[in-house]
Amino acid sequence: MDYSLIAQRLGQQLRQRRLNRGLTQVALASLACLTRQKVIAIEKGDLSVGMMAYARVLAALDAELTVVHAVIPTLDAIHGVFD
């Protein structure tokens, strides 16, 4: 699996958790001792963001990182995408 896709998925999950907790990017940045721009980069899955920034955001969201087997969609699952 492409590592950029993994970073994008992680960013999407962190964004969704932030929204579920009712936090703005500014509020999360403050809790994580980061800039809003860094939070934006994390949520976009920017590959230049260091692990420490991800760890700060995870901690601020009372979350942790778990390694699971990557799921790649099958041809049947994406059949209708190109119709």
PDB file of N, CA and C in Angstrom:
ATOM      1  N   MET A   1       0.852  -1.179   0.000  1.00  0.00           N
ATOM      2  CA  MET A   1       0.000   0.000   0.000  1.00  0.00           C
ATOM      3  C   MET A   1       0.893   1.237   0.000  1.00  0.00           C
ATOM      4  N   ASP A   2       0.453   2.245  -0.681  1.00  0.00           N
ATOM      5  CA  ASP A   2       1.181   3.503  -0.796  1.00  0.00           C
ATOM      6  C   ASP A   2       1.184   4.238   0.551  1.00  0.00           C
ATOM      7  N   TYR A   3       2.373   4.634   1.005  1.00  0.00           N
ATOM      8  CA  TYR A   3       2.477   5.287   2.319  1.00  0.00           C
ATOM      9  C   TYR A   3       1.754   6.627   2.364  1.00  0.00           C
ATOM     10  N   SER A   4       1.602   7.311   1.228  1.00  0.00           N
ATOM     11  CA  SER A   4       0.873   8.585   1.241  1.00  0.00           C
ATOM     12  C   SER A   4      -0.608   8.352   1.517  1.00  0.00           C
ATOM     13  N   LEU A   5      -1.146   7.232   1.043  1.00  0.00           N
ATOM     14  CA  LEU A   5      -2.539   6.897   1.331  1.00  0.00           C
ATOM     15  C   LEU A   5      -2.725   6.620   2.819  1.00  0.00           C
ATOM     16  N   ILE A   6      -1.763   5.963   3.423  1.00  0.00           N
ATOM     17  CA  ILE A   6      -1.830   5.703   4.865  1.00  0.00           C
ATOM     18  C   ILE A   6      -1.839   7.018   5.644  1.00  0.00           C
ATOM     19  N   ALA A   7      -0.989   7.958   5.265  1.00  0.00           N
ATOM     20  CA  ALA A   7      -0.949   9.266   5.935  1.00  0.00           C
ATOM     21  C   ALA A   7      -2.255  10.017   5.745  1.00  0.00           C
ATOM     22  N   GLN A   8      -2.840   9.931   4.556  1.00  0.00           N
ATOM     23  CA  GLN A   8      -4.125  10.594   4.311  1.00  0.00           C
ATOM     24  C   GLN A   8      -5.231   9.996   5.164  1.00  0.00           C
ATOM     25  N   ARG A   9      -5.241   8.685   5.267  1.00  0.00           N
ATOM     26  CA  ARG A   9      -6.263   8.018   6.088  1.00  0.00           C
ATOM     27  C   ARG A   9      -6.121   8.396   7.560  1.00  0.00           C
ATOM     28  N   LEU A  10      -4.890   8.448   8.043  1.00  0.00           N
ATOM     29  CA  LEU A  10      -4.661   8.847   9.428  1.00  0.00           C
ATOM     30  C   LEU A  10      -5.138  10.277   9.644  1.00  0.00           C
ATOM     31  N   GLY A  11      -4.810  11.160   8.729  1.00  0.00           N
ATOM     32  CA  GLY A  11      -5.260  12.552   8.829  1.00  0.00           C
ATOM     33  C   GLY A  11      -6.766  12.666   8.853  1.00  0.00           C
ATOM     34  N   GLN A  12      -7.442  11.887   8.007  1.00  0.00           N
ATOM     35  CA  GLN A  12      -8.909  11.903   7.976  1.00  0.00           C
ATOM     36  C   GLN A  12      -9.496  11.406   9.293  1.00  0.00           C
ATOM     37  N   GLN A  13      -8.896  10.367   9.847  1.00  0.00           N
ATOM     38  CA  GLN A  13      -9.391   9.831  11.115  1.00  0.00           C
ATOM     39  C   GLN A  13      -9.195  10.830  12.253  1.00  0.00           C
ATOM     40  N   LEU A  14      -8.053  11.510  12.259  1.00  0.00           N
ATOM     41  CA  LEU A  14      -7.803  12.502  13.300  1.00  0.00           C
ATOM     42  C   LEU A  14      -8.759  13.689  13.147  1.00  0.00           C
ATOM     43  N   ARG A  15      -9.002  14.109  11.917  1.00  0.00           N
ATOM     44  CA  ARG A  15      -9.957  15.202  11.678  1.00  0.00           C
ATOM     45  C   ARG A  15     -11.344  14.805  12.175  1.00  0.00           C
ATOM     46  N   GLN A  16     -11.778  13.595  11.842  1.00  0.00           N
ATOM     47  CA  GLN A  16     -13.101  13.147  12.272  1.00  0.00           C
ATOM     48  C   GLN A  16     -13.196  13.079  13.792  1.00  0.00           C
ATOM     49  N   ARG A  17     -12.153  12.622  14.451  1.00  0.00           N
ATOM     50  CA  ARG A  17     -12.151  12.567  15.920  1.00  0.00           C
ATOM     51  C   ARG A  17     -12.215  13.975  16.502  1.00  0.00           C
ATOM     52  N   ARG A  18     -11.479  14.913  15.892  1.00  0.00           N
ATOM     53  CA  ARG A  18     -11.524  16.308  16.348  1.00  0.00           C
ATOM     54  C   ARG A  18     -12.944  16.852  16.235  1.00  0.00           C
ATOM     55  N   LEU A  19     -13.570  16.627  15.089  1.00  0.00           N
ATOM     56  CA  LEU A  19     -14.930  17.120  14.871  1.00  0.00           C
ATOM     57  C   LEU A  19     -15.916  16.467  15.832  1.00  0.00           C
ATOM     58  N   ASN A  20     -15.762  15.164  16.056  1.00  0.00           N
ATOM     59  CA  ASN A  20     -16.645  14.454  16.988  1.00  0.00           C
ATOM     60  C   ASN A  20     -16.538  15.006  18.409  1.00  0.00           C
ATOM     61  N   ARG A  21     -15.370  15.516  18.742  1.00  0.00           N
ATOM     62  CA  ARG A  21     -15.170  16.101  20.074  1.00  0.00           C
ATOM     63  C   ARG A  21     -15.569  17.563  20.112  1.00  0.00           C
ATOM     64  N   GLY A  22     -15.993  18.118  18.986  1.00  0.00           N
ATOM     65  CA  GLY A  22     -16.453  19.501  18.934  1.00  0.00           C
ATOM     66  C   GLY A  22     -15.325  20.519  19.004  1.00  0.00           C
ATOM     67  N   LEU A  23     -14.140  20.120  18.563  1.00  0.00           N
ATOM     68  CA  LEU A  23     -12.981  21.013  18.619  1.00  0.00           C
ATOM     69  C   LEU A  23     -12.725  21.675  17.273  1.00  0.00           C
ATOM     70  N   THR A  24     -12.323  22.922  17.318  1.00  0.00           N
ATOM     71  CA  THR A  24     -11.843  23.590  16.120  1.00  0.00           C
ATOM     72  C   THR A  24     -10.375  23.233  15.931  1.00  0.00           C
ATOM     73  N   GLN A  25      -9.832  23.543  14.762  1.00  0.00           N
ATOM     74  CA  GLN A  25      -8.407  23.321  14.541  1.00  0.00           C
ATOM     75  C   GLN A  25      -7.583  24.175  15.497  1.00  0.00           C
ATOM     76  N   VAL A  26      -8.036  25.365  15.781  1.00  0.00           N
ATOM     77  CA  VAL A  26      -7.326  26.254  16.703  1.00  0.00           C
ATOM     78  C   VAL A  26      -7.308  25.661  18.107  1.00  0.00           C
ATOM     79  N   ALA A  27      -8.462  25.144  18.553  1.00  0.00           N
ATOM     80  CA  ALA A  27      -8.540  24.556  19.893  1.00  0.00           C
ATOM     81  C   ALA A  27      -7.644  23.325  20.000  1.00  0.00           C
ATOM     82  N   LEU A  28      -7.661  22.478  18.972  1.00  0.00           N
ATOM     83  CA  LEU A  28      -6.809  21.296  18.992  1.00  0.00           C
ATOM     84  C   LEU A  28      -5.337  21.694  18.981  1.00  0.00           C
ATOM     85  N   ALA A  29      -4.994  22.672  18.181  1.00  0.00           N
ATOM     86  CA  ALA A  29      -3.611  23.145  18.126  1.00  0.00           C
ATOM     87  C   ALA A  29      -3.158  23.622  19.497  1.00  0.00           C
ATOM     88  N   SER A  30      -4.027  24.330  20.191  1.00  0.00           N
ATOM     89  CA  SER A  30      -3.696  24.818  21.527  1.00  0.00           C
ATOM     90  C   SER A  30      -3.484  23.655  22.503  1.00  0.00           C
ATOM     91  N   LEU A  31      -4.383  22.671  22.463  1.00  0.00           N
ATOM     92  CA  LEU A  31      -4.249  21.509  23.343  1.00  0.00           C
ATOM     93  C   LEU A  31      -2.979  20.713  23.053  1.00  0.00           C
ATOM     94  N   ALA A  32      -2.596  20.657  21.781  1.00  0.00           N
ATOM     95  CA  ALA A  32      -1.433  19.862  21.373  1.00  0.00           C
ATOM     96  C   ALA A  32      -0.136  20.677  21.362  1.00  0.00           C
ATOM     97  N   CYS A  33      -0.218  21.955  21.717  1.00  0.00           N
ATOM     98  CA  CYS A  33       0.954  22.846  21.684  1.00  0.00           C
ATOM     99  C   CYS A  33       1.587  22.884  20.290  1.00  0.00           C
ATOM    100  N   LEU A  34       0.726  23.028  19.292  1.00  0.00           N
ATOM    101  CA  LEU A  34       1.151  23.135  17.906  1.00  0.00           C
ATOM    102  C   LEU A  34       0.497  24.352  17.276  1.00  0.00           C
ATOM    103  N   THR A  35       0.897  24.678  16.067  1.00  0.00           N
ATOM    104  CA  THR A  35       0.230  25.746  15.330  1.00  0.00           C
ATOM    105  C   THR A  35      -0.976  25.173  14.591  1.00  0.00           C
ATOM    106  N   ARG A  36      -1.906  26.052  14.239  1.00  0.00           N
ATOM    107  CA  ARG A  36      -3.060  25.615  13.440  1.00  0.00           C
ATOM    108  C   ARG A  36      -2.580  25.072  12.099  1.00  0.00           C
ATOM    109  N   GLN A  37      -1.554  25.676  11.537  1.00  0.00           N
ATOM    110  CA  GLN A  37      -1.024  25.220  10.248  1.00  0.00           C
ATOM    111  C   GLN A  37      -0.525  23.776  10.339  1.00  0.00           C
ATOM    112  N   LYS A  38       0.055  23.408  11.483  1.00  0.00           N
ATOM    113  CA  LYS A  38       0.533  22.040  11.667  1.00  0.00           C
ATOM    114  C   LYS A  38      -0.652  21.071  11.748  1.00  0.00           C
ATOM    115  N   VAL A  39      -1.715  21.483  12.426  1.00  0.00           N
ATOM    116  CA  VAL A  39      -2.923  20.648  12.506  1.00  0.00           C
ATOM    117  C   VAL A  39      -3.514  20.463  11.113  1.00  0.00           C
ATOM    118  N   ILE A  40      -3.554  21.519  10.331  1.00  0.00           N
ATOM    119  CA  ILE A  40      -4.052  21.429   8.953  1.00  0.00           C
ATOM    120  C   ILE A  40      -3.214  20.429   8.161  1.00  0.00           C
ATOM    121  N   ALA A  41      -1.901  20.518   8.293  1.00  0.00           N
ATOM    122  CA  ALA A  41      -0.996  19.608   7.573  1.00  0.00           C
ATOM    123  C   ALA A  41      -1.238  18.160   7.996  1.00  0.00           C
ATOM    124  N   ILE A  42      -1.428  17.933   9.277  1.00  0.00           N
ATOM    125  CA  ILE A  42      -1.691  16.581   9.783  1.00  0.00           C
ATOM    126  C   ILE A  42      -2.992  16.050   9.206  1.00  0.00           C
ATOM    127  N   GLU A  43      -4.032  16.860   9.217  1.00  0.00           N
ATOM    128  CA  GLU A  43      -5.333  16.421   8.710  1.00  0.00           C
ATOM    129  C   GLU A  43      -5.307  16.170   7.205  1.00  0.00           C
ATOM    130  N   LYS A  44      -4.398  16.811   6.495  1.00  0.00           N
ATOM    131  CA  LYS A  44      -4.244  16.578   5.058  1.00  0.00           C
ATOM    132  C   LYS A  44      -3.377  15.354   4.767  1.00  0.00           C
ATOM    133  N   GLY A  45      -2.690  14.847   5.786  1.00  0.00           N
ATOM    134  CA  GLY A  45      -1.797  13.715   5.587  1.00  0.00           C
ATOM    135  C   GLY A  45      -0.465  14.124   4.993  1.00  0.00           C
ATOM    136  N   ASP A  46      -0.041  15.335   5.290  1.00  0.00           N
ATOM    137  CA  ASP A  46       1.231  15.861   4.787  1.00  0.00           C
ATOM    138  C   ASP A  46       2.383  14.987   5.287  1.00  0.00           C
ATOM    139  N   LEU A  47       3.170  14.480   4.350  1.00  0.00           N
ATOM    140  CA  LEU A  47       4.255  13.560   4.697  1.00  0.00           C
ATOM    141  C   LEU A  47       5.453  14.244   5.351  1.00  0.00           C
ATOM    142  N   SER A  48       5.482  15.570   5.347  1.00  0.00           N
ATOM    143  CA  SER A  48       6.608  16.275   5.960  1.00  0.00           C
ATOM    144  C   SER A  48       6.430  16.470   7.467  1.00  0.00           C
ATOM    145  N   VAL A  49       5.257  16.145   7.990  1.00  0.00           N
ATOM    146  CA  VAL A  49       4.986  16.322   9.418  1.00  0.00           C
ATOM    147  C   VAL A  49       5.659  15.197  10.203  1.00  0.00           C
ATOM    148  N   GLY A  50       6.354  15.568  11.259  1.00  0.00           N
ATOM    149  CA  GLY A  50       7.064  14.593  12.080  1.00  0.00           C
ATOM    150  C   GLY A  50       6.152  13.823  13.018  1.00  0.00           C
ATOM    151  N   MET A  51       6.658  12.701  13.471  1.00  0.00           N
ATOM    152  CA  MET A  51       5.897  11.824  14.364  1.00  0.00           C
ATOM    153  C   MET A  51       5.541  12.508  15.686  1.00  0.00           C
ATOM    154  N   MET A  52       6.397  13.392  16.160  1.00  0.00           N
ATOM    155  CA  MET A  52       6.115  14.086  17.428  1.00  0.00           C
ATOM    156  C   MET A  52       4.826  14.910  17.321  1.00  0.00           C
ATOM    157  N   ALA A  53       4.613  15.559  16.190  1.00  0.00           N
ATOM    158  CA  ALA A  53       3.391  16.345  16.005  1.00  0.00           C
ATOM    159  C   ALA A  53       2.165  15.432  16.009  1.00  0.00           C
ATOM    160  N   TYR A  54       2.264  14.286  15.312  1.00  0.00           N
ATOM    161  CA  TYR A  54       1.153  13.326  15.340  1.00  0.00           C
ATOM    162  C   TYR A  54       0.898  12.842  16.767  1.00  0.00           C
ATOM    163  N   ALA A  55       1.960  12.563  17.507  1.00  0.00           N
ATOM    164  CA  ALA A  55       1.820  12.093  18.887  1.00  0.00           C
ATOM    165  C   ALA A  55       1.141  13.146  19.756  1.00  0.00           C
ATOM    166  N   ARG A  56       1.476  14.396  19.550  1.00  0.00           N
ATOM    167  CA  ARG A  56       0.838  15.474  20.334  1.00  0.00           C
ATOM    168  C   ARG A  56      -0.647  15.570  20.041  1.00  0.00           C
ATOM    169  N   VAL A  57      -1.007  15.451  18.767  1.00  0.00           N
ATOM    170  CA  VAL A  57      -2.424  15.514  18.388  1.00  0.00           C
ATOM    171  C   VAL A  57      -3.169  14.304  18.947  1.00  0.00           C
ATOM    172  N   LEU A  58      -2.581  13.134  18.822  1.00  0.00           N
ATOM    173  CA  LEU A  58      -3.212  11.937  19.374  1.00  0.00           C
ATOM    174  C   LEU A  58      -3.442  12.087  20.874  1.00  0.00           C
ATOM    175  N   ALA A  59      -2.462  12.567  21.596  1.00  0.00           N
ATOM    176  CA  ALA A  59      -2.590  12.750  23.038  1.00  0.00           C
ATOM    177  C   ALA A  59      -3.676  13.776  23.362  1.00  0.00           C
ATOM    178  N   ALA A  60      -3.707  14.865  22.601  1.00  0.00           N
ATOM    179  CA  ALA A  60      -4.715  15.907  22.833  1.00  0.00           C
ATOM    180  C   ALA A  60      -6.130  15.393  22.578  1.00  0.00           C
ATOM    181  N   LEU A  61      -6.241  14.402  21.698  1.00  0.00           N
ATOM    182  CA  LEU A  61      -7.546  13.816  21.389  1.00  0.00           C
ATOM    183  C   LEU A  61      -7.843  12.582  22.233  1.00  0.00           C
ATOM    184  N   ASP A  62      -6.996  12.325  23.239  1.00  0.00           N
ATOM    185  CA  ASP A  62      -7.142  11.135  24.079  1.00  0.00           C
ATOM    186  C   ASP A  62      -7.240   9.873  23.228  1.00  0.00           C
ATOM    187  N   ALA A  63      -6.324   9.771  22.265  1.00  0.00           N
ATOM    188  CA  ALA A  63      -6.307   8.639  21.342  1.00  0.00           C
ATOM    189  C   ALA A  63      -4.902   8.055  21.285  1.00  0.00           C
ATOM    190  N   GLU A  64      -4.800   6.882  20.705  1.00  0.00           N
ATOM    191  CA  GLU A  64      -3.496   6.281  20.481  1.00  0.00           C
ATOM    192  C   GLU A  64      -3.495   5.638  19.100  1.00  0.00           C
ATOM    193  N   LEU A  65      -2.324   5.393  18.591  1.00  0.00           N
ATOM    194  CA  LEU A  65      -2.155   4.798  17.278  1.00  0.00           C
ATOM    195  C   LEU A  65      -2.113   3.278  17.411  1.00  0.00           C
ATOM    196  N   THR A  66      -2.899   2.600  16.587  1.00  0.00           N
ATOM    197  CA  THR A  66      -2.921   1.151  16.573  1.00  0.00           C
ATOM    198  C   THR A  66      -2.573   0.679  15.166  1.00  0.00           C
ATOM    199  N   VAL A  67      -1.709  -0.304  15.069  1.00  0.00           N
ATOM    200  CA  VAL A  67      -1.317  -0.840  13.772  1.00  0.00           C
ATOM    201  C   VAL A  67      -2.253  -1.992  13.417  1.00  0.00           C
ATOM    202  N   VAL A  68      -2.901  -1.867  12.254  1.00  0.00           N
ATOM    203  CA  VAL A  68      -3.813  -2.901  11.777  1.00  0.00           C
ATOM    204  C   VAL A  68      -3.459  -3.231  10.331  1.00  0.00           C
ATOM    205  N   HIS A  69      -3.925  -4.350   9.869  1.00  0.00           N
ATOM    206  CA  HIS A  69      -3.705  -4.764   8.489  1.00  0.00           C
ATOM    207  C   HIS A  69      -4.415  -3.775   7.560  1.00  0.00           C
ATOM    208  N   ALA A  70      -3.711  -3.305   6.538  1.00  0.00           N
ATOM    209  CA  ALA A  70      -4.284  -2.345   5.592  1.00  0.00           C
ATOM    210  C   ALA A  70      -5.347  -3.018   4.731  1.00  0.00           C
ATOM    211  N   VAL A  71      -6.432  -2.311   4.520  1.00  0.00           N
ATOM    212  CA  VAL A  71      -7.513  -2.817   3.699  1.00  0.00           C
ATOM    213  C   VAL A  71      -7.490  -2.086   2.370  1.00  0.00           C
ATOM    214  N   ILE A  72      -7.303  -2.846   1.319  1.00  0.00           N
ATOM    215  CA  ILE A  72      -7.312  -2.286  -0.025  1.00  0.00           C
ATOM    216  C   ILE A  72      -8.635  -2.698  -0.675  1.00  0.00           C
ATOM    217  N   PRO A  73      -9.374  -1.724  -1.249  1.00  0.00           N
ATOM    218  CA  PRO A  73     -10.660  -2.079  -1.843  1.00  0.00           C
ATOM    219  C   PRO A  73     -10.494  -3.069  -3.004  1.00  0.00           C
ATOM    220  N   THR A  74     -11.455  -3.963  -3.127  1.00  0.00           N
ATOM    221  CA  THR A  74     -11.437  -4.931  -4.216  1.00  0.00           C
ATOM    222  C   THR A  74     -12.040  -4.293  -5.463  1.00  0.00           C
ATOM    223  N   LEU A  75     -11.871  -4.937  -6.607  1.00  0.00           N
ATOM    224  CA  LEU A  75     -12.473  -4.436  -7.839  1.00  0.00           C
ATOM    225  C   LEU A  75     -13.988  -4.393  -7.735  1.00  0.00           C
ATOM    226  N   ASP A  76     -14.571  -5.375  -7.047  1.00  0.00           N
ATOM    227  CA  ASP A  76     -16.017  -5.381  -6.857  1.00  0.00           C
ATOM    228  C   ASP A  76     -16.482  -4.175  -6.044  1.00  0.00           C
ATOM    229  N   ALA A  77     -15.695  -3.774  -5.059  1.00  0.00           N
ATOM    230  CA  ALA A  77     -16.058  -2.665  -4.188  1.00  0.00           C
ATOM    231  C   ALA A  77     -16.026  -1.333  -4.928  1.00  0.00           C
ATOM    232  N   ILE A  78     -15.155  -1.202  -5.921  1.00  0.00           N
ATOM    233  CA  ILE A  78     -15.042   0.072  -6.640  1.00  0.00           C
ATOM    234  C   ILE A  78     -15.625   0.008  -8.050  1.00  0.00           C
ATOM    235  N   HIS A  79     -16.363  -1.044  -8.342  1.00  0.00           N
ATOM    236  CA  HIS A  79     -16.905  -1.287  -9.679  1.00  0.00           C
ATOM    237  C   HIS A  79     -17.648  -0.070 -10.230  1.00  0.00           C
ATOM    238  N   GLY A  80     -18.524   0.534  -9.451  1.00  0.00           N
ATOM    239  CA  GLY A  80     -19.350   1.630  -9.930  1.00  0.00           C
ATOM    240  C   GLY A  80     -18.655   2.984  -9.997  1.00  0.00           C
ATOM    241  N   VAL A  81     -17.449   3.090  -9.526  1.00  0.00           N
ATOM    242  CA  VAL A  81     -16.759   4.372  -9.457  1.00  0.00           C
ATOM    243  C   VAL A  81     -16.515   4.970 -10.841  1.00  0.00           C
ATOM    244  N   PHE A  82     -16.220   4.121 -11.815  1.00  0.00           N
ATOM    245  CA  PHE A  82     -15.842   4.620 -13.131  1.00  0.00           C
ATOM    246  C   PHE A  82     -16.969   4.553 -14.158  1.00  0.00           C
ATOM    247  N   ASP A  83     -18.172   4.287 -13.704  1.00  0.00           N
ATOM    248  CA  ASP A  83     -19.327   4.221 -14.626  1.00  0.00           C
ATOM    249  C   ASP A  83     -19.801   5.599 -15.009  1.00  0.00           C
TER     250      ASP A  83
END
